[in-house]
Amino acid sequence: MKTLFVRNIHPETREKDLRELFSHHGTVRGLKLPMDIFTRRCKGVATIDMEGHEARAAQAGLDGSMFNGQAIQVREERPRGKRGGRR
């Protein structure tokens, strides 16, 4: 399972729109689209879970493509490293 991080999403985008877009490249296992609680508009980012080969195909096919009038950026989410320093 791979997690894709999507940026530059139009504020009027809904979860079903993103699910439909990414489902052309495989099965979307999970999708998180943060919304502003006051305006009910998308915050411009999302995370999408897909199987490895499907996620790579989606990244290759959708990175830089136009979606709802904006060029979206699709990257593989990298796990955050350990924080902190010397003790």
Protein backbone atom coordinates (compact mmCIF):
# COMPACT_ATOMS: atom_id res chain seq x y z
CA MET A 1 0.00 0.00 0.00
CA LYS A 2 1.31 3.43 -0.96
CA THR A 3 0.07 6.84 0.11
CA LEU A 4 0.04 9.65 -2.41
CA PHE A 5 0.11 13.29 -1.35
CA VAL A 6 -1.82 15.59 -3.71
CA ARG A 7 -1.37 19.38 -3.65
CA ASN A 8 -2.81 22.40 -5.44
CA ILE A 9 -6.39 21.10 -5.42
CA HIS A 10 -9.13 23.60 -6.30
CA PRO A 11 -11.13 24.69 -3.21
CA GLU A 12 -14.46 23.53 -4.72
CA THR A 13 -13.23 19.93 -5.19
CA ARG A 14 -15.17 17.18 -3.44
CA GLU A 15 -14.07 13.73 -2.32
CA LYS A 16 -16.08 11.96 -5.03
CA ASP A 17 -14.32 14.05 -7.72
CA LEU A 18 -10.87 12.96 -6.55
CA ARG A 19 -11.94 9.35 -6.09
CA GLU A 20 -13.25 9.29 -9.67
CA LEU A 21 -10.06 10.86 -11.05
CA PHE A 22 -7.71 8.41 -9.31
CA SER A 23 -9.91 5.35 -9.91
CA HIS A 24 -8.91 5.45 -13.60
CA HIS A 25 -5.49 4.18 -12.43
CA GLY A 26 -6.66 1.58 -9.90
CA THR A 27 -8.64 1.03 -6.74
CA VAL A 28 -8.64 3.88 -4.24
CA ARG A 29 -8.30 2.20 -0.82
CA GLY A 30 -8.52 5.39 1.23
CA LEU A 31 -8.90 9.10 0.69
CA LYS A 32 -8.60 12.04 3.07
CA LEU A 33 -9.59 15.49 1.86
CA PRO A 34 -9.35 18.05 4.69
CA MET A 35 -12.11 20.66 4.60
CA ASP A 36 -12.26 24.07 6.24
CA ILE A 37 -14.87 23.82 9.00
CA PHE A 38 -16.26 27.31 8.40
CA THR A 39 -16.37 27.57 4.61
CA ARG A 40 -16.74 23.82 3.87
CA ARG A 41 -14.16 24.22 1.10
CA CYS A 42 -11.20 21.98 0.39
CA LYS A 43 -7.91 23.08 1.99
CA GLY A 44 -6.01 22.27 -1.23
CA VAL A 45 -4.36 18.99 -0.22
CA ALA A 46 -5.34 15.31 0.01
CA THR A 47 -3.86 11.92 0.77
CA ILE A 48 -4.85 8.89 -1.27
CA ASP A 49 -4.07 5.24 -0.49
CA MET A 50 -3.61 2.81 -3.39
CA GLU A 51 -1.72 -0.39 -4.11
CA GLY A 52 1.94 0.16 -5.06
CA HIS A 53 1.82 -0.34 -8.82
CA GLU A 54 -1.49 1.52 -9.10
CA ALA A 55 -0.13 4.43 -7.06
CA ARG A 56 2.94 4.69 -9.29
CA ALA A 57 0.72 4.68 -12.39
CA ALA A 58 -1.51 7.39 -10.90
CA GLN A 59 1.50 9.52 -9.99
CA ALA A 60 2.99 9.18 -13.47
CA GLY A 61 -0.33 9.91 -15.17
CA LEU A 62 -1.67 12.70 -12.99
CA ASP A 63 1.32 14.71 -11.73
CA GLY A 64 1.11 18.11 -13.42
CA SER A 65 -2.24 17.40 -15.06
CA MET A 66 -5.10 19.90 -15.03
CA PHE A 67 -7.95 19.12 -12.64
CA ASN A 68 -10.76 21.62 -12.02
CA GLY A 69 -8.71 24.32 -13.70
CA GLN A 70 -5.51 23.83 -11.68
CA ALA A 71 -2.34 21.78 -12.27
CA ILE A 72 -2.24 19.27 -9.43
CA GLN A 73 0.96 17.87 -7.92
CA VAL A 74 1.04 14.18 -7.02
CA ARG A 75 3.92 12.83 -4.92
CA GLU A 76 4.54 9.69 -2.92
CA GLU A 77 4.21 10.53 0.74
CA ARG A 78 7.47 10.00 2.57
CA PRO A 79 7.44 8.88 6.20
CA ARG A 80 8.67 11.56 8.52
CA GLY A 81 12.03 10.92 10.10
CA LYS A 82 12.68 10.94 13.80
CA ARG A 83 12.70 14.40 15.26
CA GLY A 84 15.00 15.69 17.89
CA GLY A 85 18.66 15.79 18.38
CA ARG A 86 21.22 15.05 21.03
CA ARG A 87 20.18 14.50 24.59
